[in-house]
Amino acid sequence: MSQLFGPAANTIAKASLVGVLALLIAGAGFGYHFVHSPYTTEVGIAKAQPVAYSHAQHVGDLGLDCRYCHTAVETSNSASIPPTESCMGCHSQVAVESSALQPVRTSLDTGQPLEWVRVHDLADYVYFNHAIHVRQGIGCESCHGRIDRMAVVAKAEPLQMAWCLDCHRDPTAHIRPREAVFTMGYEPAVEQSVLGPQLVAEYGIETKRLSDCSICHR
C-alpha cells in the first residue's frame, strides 16, 4: 500500500503552521494600528465648519478667552456651543460686510442656529464632565491641544479609554493651578514633577477612585 503523504508533507505542514501564525500576528498588528490610526481616532483631521472660524486668529492673535464662546465650561458637563448672538456681539461692528460671515447674519435673521460640526465627539455610553476637569486644574490644551494655533479645529488627542485612564491613574503630568486652566502654552513656575503631586493633594484628587468604571460609565 502506497503512502498517503510524501516525504515533503511534514515540511509543508510546518510551513503552513508558520504561515498561519504569521498571518495571525500580522492581523493583530494591523488591527492594533488601525484602531489607533487617524482613520479611527480622527486625530489631526481638520473638519470644515459652516463658518470659517479660526481659533488661531481669535484665540492666538486676539487673545479671546475660551469662556467667551464656551460659556458653560466651568459649570456644566458640556462646554456649550456658542450661539449666533455670541458671534454677533463682535461682528455687528467688526467685518460686518464680510461674505464669510453671511451664514452668521442669516442665522441671526432667521433664528436658525448654525449647525457646527462636532470635532470632539465621545460615545453615548461615556460620561464626561467639563466642569469637574476645570475645577480640578486640567487645562484645555491637555485634551484639545494648542487650539490657539488651529485655523481649522482638529482633534489633538485620541480620547480613547486607554488615553483617559493614563491621566486618571496619574494626573500629575497634566494638573495645573486653576487660574491657568485656560492658558495656552502654559509653563509651570516650578518643575511639573514637583507641582503635580502638590496640586493633586491640594485638590483632594483620589486617583484610585478615578480608575473605577463608574466614573465614566454610568
Protein backbone atom coordinates (compact mmCIF):
# COMPACT_ATOMS: atom_id res chain seq x y z
CA MET A 1 0.00 0.00 0.00
CA SER A 2 1.49 3.31 -1.04
CA GLN A 3 1.95 6.14 1.47
CA LEU A 4 -0.78 8.79 1.56
CA PHE A 5 1.73 11.58 2.22
CA GLY A 6 5.04 12.04 0.55
CA PRO A 7 8.37 12.94 2.19
CA ALA A 8 7.62 16.67 1.79
CA ALA A 9 4.34 16.52 3.76
CA ASN A 10 5.95 17.35 7.09
CA THR A 11 7.74 20.33 5.62
CA ILE A 12 4.53 21.58 4.02
CA ALA A 13 2.61 21.15 7.29
CA LYS A 14 5.22 23.05 9.28
CA ALA A 15 5.36 25.83 6.68
CA SER A 16 1.56 26.07 6.74
CA LEU A 17 1.51 26.42 10.52
CA VAL A 18 4.20 29.08 10.38
CA GLY A 19 2.25 30.87 7.66
CA VAL A 20 -0.99 30.81 9.66
CA LEU A 21 0.83 32.07 12.76
CA ALA A 22 2.44 34.86 10.74
CA LEU A 23 -0.96 35.85 9.33
CA LEU A 24 -2.46 35.95 12.83
CA ILE A 25 0.38 38.12 14.12
CA ALA A 26 0.14 40.42 11.10
CA GLY A 27 -3.64 40.65 11.51
CA ALA A 28 -3.30 41.55 15.19
CA GLY A 29 -0.68 44.16 14.35
CA PHE A 30 -2.84 45.62 11.61
CA GLY A 31 -5.86 45.71 13.94
CA TYR A 32 -3.89 47.49 16.66
CA HIS A 33 -2.53 50.13 14.29
CA PHE A 34 -5.92 50.55 12.62
CA VAL A 35 -7.67 51.19 15.95
CA HIS A 36 -5.04 53.78 16.89
CA SER A 37 -4.75 55.33 13.42
CA PRO A 38 -6.15 58.75 12.45
CA TYR A 39 -8.70 56.88 10.30
CA THR A 40 -10.31 55.66 13.53
CA THR A 41 -9.34 58.32 16.08
CA GLU A 42 -9.56 61.26 13.62
CA VAL A 43 -6.53 62.83 15.32
CA GLY A 44 -5.11 65.60 13.16
CA ILE A 45 -8.05 65.60 10.75
CA ALA A 46 -9.47 69.11 10.48
CA LYS A 47 -13.21 69.36 9.85
CA ALA A 48 -14.68 72.14 7.78
CA GLN A 49 -17.33 74.19 9.57
CA PRO A 50 -20.31 76.15 8.23
CA VAL A 51 -18.34 79.30 9.07
CA ALA A 52 -14.58 79.53 8.66
CA TYR A 53 -13.92 80.37 12.29
CA SER A 54 -10.20 80.46 13.08
CA HIS A 55 -9.16 79.76 16.65
CA ALA A 56 -5.64 80.78 15.64
CA GLN A 57 -6.94 84.26 14.84
CA HIS A 58 -9.45 84.70 17.64
CA VAL A 59 -7.60 82.93 20.47
CA GLY A 60 -3.98 83.11 19.33
CA ASP A 61 -3.86 86.56 17.75
CA LEU A 62 -6.68 88.40 19.51
CA GLY A 63 -6.41 86.65 22.87
CA LEU A 64 -10.10 85.74 23.13
CA ASP A 65 -10.78 83.72 26.28
CA CYS A 66 -12.26 80.23 25.78
CA ARG A 67 -15.14 81.13 28.09
CA TYR A 68 -16.37 83.95 25.86
CA CYS A 69 -17.76 81.37 23.44
CA HIS A 70 -17.88 78.22 25.59
CA THR A 71 -19.82 79.86 28.37
CA ALA A 72 -20.84 76.74 30.31
CA VAL A 73 -17.45 75.05 30.52
CA GLU A 74 -16.98 75.91 34.21
CA THR A 75 -20.45 74.84 35.35
CA SER A 76 -21.76 72.14 33.02
CA ASN A 77 -20.99 68.73 31.57
CA SER A 78 -20.83 70.38 28.16
CA ALA A 79 -18.55 73.23 27.18
CA SER A 80 -21.52 74.55 25.16
CA ILE A 81 -21.62 75.58 21.52
CA PRO A 82 -21.64 79.36 21.10
CA PRO A 83 -24.97 80.81 19.96
CA THR A 84 -25.14 83.14 16.99
CA GLU A 85 -25.56 86.07 19.37
CA SER A 86 -22.05 85.46 20.73
CA CYS A 87 -20.59 85.81 17.26
CA MET A 88 -22.64 88.93 16.54
CA GLY A 89 -21.56 90.51 19.81
CA CYS A 90 -18.40 91.46 17.92
CA HIS A 91 -19.39 91.09 14.29
CA SER A 92 -22.22 93.55 14.45
CA GLN A 93 -19.37 96.07 14.41
CA VAL A 94 -16.37 94.11 13.08
CA ALA A 95 -16.20 92.81 9.49
CA VAL A 96 -19.91 93.49 9.10
CA GLU A 97 -19.78 93.17 5.30
CA SER A 98 -17.66 90.01 5.18
CA SER A 99 -19.14 87.37 2.87
CA ALA A 100 -17.62 84.67 5.10
CA LEU A 101 -19.98 85.80 7.87
CA GLN A 102 -23.15 85.67 5.78
CA PRO A 103 -24.23 82.35 7.39
CA VAL A 104 -23.96 84.04 10.80
CA ARG A 105 -26.08 87.00 9.72
CA THR A 106 -28.63 84.65 8.16
CA SER A 107 -28.76 82.64 11.36
CA LEU A 108 -29.43 85.79 13.37
CA ASP A 109 -32.15 86.95 10.98
CA THR A 110 -33.94 83.60 10.78
CA GLY A 111 -33.37 82.36 14.32
CA GLN A 112 -31.98 79.09 12.96
CA PRO A 113 -28.82 78.02 14.84
CA LEU A 114 -25.65 77.36 12.91
CA GLU A 115 -25.00 73.63 12.51
CA TRP A 116 -21.43 73.37 13.78
CA VAL A 117 -19.65 70.09 13.06
CA ARG A 118 -18.67 68.29 16.26
CA VAL A 119 -14.95 67.51 16.41
CA HIS A 120 -14.62 66.01 19.90
CA ASP A 121 -17.45 63.50 19.98
CA LEU A 122 -17.42 60.91 22.75
CA ALA A 123 -19.54 57.78 22.58
CA ASP A 124 -23.01 57.99 24.13
CA TYR A 125 -22.02 55.49 26.82
CA VAL A 126 -19.22 57.75 28.10
CA TYR A 127 -19.96 60.33 30.77
CA PHE A 128 -17.67 63.35 30.65
CA ASN A 129 -17.99 66.47 32.76
CA HIS A 130 -16.09 69.58 31.64
CA ALA A 131 -16.76 71.46 34.86
CA ILE A 132 -15.08 68.94 37.16
CA HIS A 133 -11.97 68.83 34.96
CA VAL A 134 -11.76 72.64 35.03
CA ARG A 135 -12.20 72.72 38.80
CA GLN A 136 -9.52 70.08 39.25
CA GLY A 137 -6.96 72.02 37.23
CA ILE A 138 -6.89 70.15 33.93
CA GLY A 139 -6.02 72.62 31.19
CA CYS A 140 -7.98 72.89 27.97
CA GLU A 141 -4.90 72.11 25.91
CA SER A 142 -4.35 68.80 27.73
CA CYS A 143 -7.29 67.38 25.75
CA HIS A 144 -7.78 69.85 22.91
CA GLY A 145 -4.15 70.68 22.12
CA ARG A 146 -2.90 74.11 21.09
CA ILE A 147 -6.27 75.32 19.90
CA ASP A 148 -4.78 78.81 19.66
CA ARG A 149 -2.73 77.62 16.67
CA MET A 150 -5.55 75.95 14.73
CA ALA A 151 -7.12 77.77 11.82
CA VAL A 152 -9.45 74.79 11.47
CA VAL A 153 -10.02 72.64 14.54
CA ALA A 154 -8.79 69.05 14.59
CA LYS A 155 -8.55 66.53 17.40
CA ALA A 156 -5.17 66.64 19.11
CA GLU A 157 -5.66 63.50 21.22
CA PRO A 158 -7.46 60.19 20.55
CA LEU A 159 -9.82 60.48 23.56
CA GLN A 160 -9.89 56.68 23.76
CA MET A 161 -10.37 54.90 27.08
CA ALA A 162 -6.71 53.96 27.50
CA TRP A 163 -5.70 57.58 26.94
CA CYS A 164 -8.19 58.82 29.54
CA LEU A 165 -7.14 56.17 32.04
CA ASP A 166 -3.48 57.16 31.74
CA CYS A 167 -4.39 60.58 33.12
CA HIS A 168 -6.91 59.29 35.66
CA ARG A 169 -4.31 56.95 37.11
CA ASP A 170 -1.64 59.64 37.26
CA PRO A 171 -2.86 63.20 36.64
CA THR A 172 0.32 64.80 37.99
CA ALA A 173 1.71 65.45 34.50
CA HIS A 174 -1.37 67.44 33.43
CA ILE A 175 -2.72 69.18 36.50
CA ARG A 176 -2.06 72.90 36.85
CA PRO A 177 -3.18 75.81 39.03
CA ARG A 178 -6.87 76.55 38.44
CA GLU A 179 -6.13 80.07 37.27
CA ALA A 180 -4.00 78.62 34.44
CA VAL A 181 -6.58 76.15 33.09
CA PHE A 182 -7.42 78.34 30.09
CA THR A 183 -3.83 79.41 29.41
CA MET A 184 -2.42 78.22 26.11
CA GLY A 185 1.25 77.26 26.12
CA TYR A 186 1.25 77.01 29.91
CA GLU A 187 4.65 76.61 31.57
CA PRO A 188 4.72 75.77 35.31
CA ALA A 189 6.67 78.06 37.62
CA VAL A 190 8.38 75.00 39.12
CA GLU A 191 9.06 71.52 37.79
CA GLN A 192 5.82 69.73 36.95
CA SER A 193 7.14 66.64 38.74
CA VAL A 194 7.11 68.72 41.93
CA LEU A 195 4.00 70.82 41.30
CA GLY A 196 1.79 67.96 40.06
CA PRO A 197 1.78 65.87 43.27
CA GLN A 198 1.30 69.03 45.34
CA LEU A 199 -1.81 70.04 43.41
CA VAL A 200 -3.23 66.50 43.43
CA ALA A 201 -3.03 66.58 47.23
CA GLU A 202 -4.32 70.17 47.47
CA TYR A 203 -7.34 69.47 45.23
CA GLY A 204 -8.12 66.21 47.04
CA ILE A 205 -7.92 64.09 43.88
CA GLU A 206 -8.35 60.38 44.66
CA THR A 207 -6.58 58.58 41.81
CA LYS A 208 -7.73 55.13 42.97
CA ARG A 209 -11.37 56.20 42.68
CA LEU A 210 -10.76 57.75 39.25
CA SER A 211 -9.93 54.31 37.85
CA ASP A 212 -13.37 52.96 38.79
CA CYS A 213 -15.53 52.11 35.78
CA SER A 214 -18.49 54.05 37.16
CA ILE A 215 -16.60 57.34 36.88
CA CYS A 216 -17.06 57.37 33.10
CA HIS A 217 -19.71 54.67 32.51
CA ARG A 218 -22.95 55.45 34.35
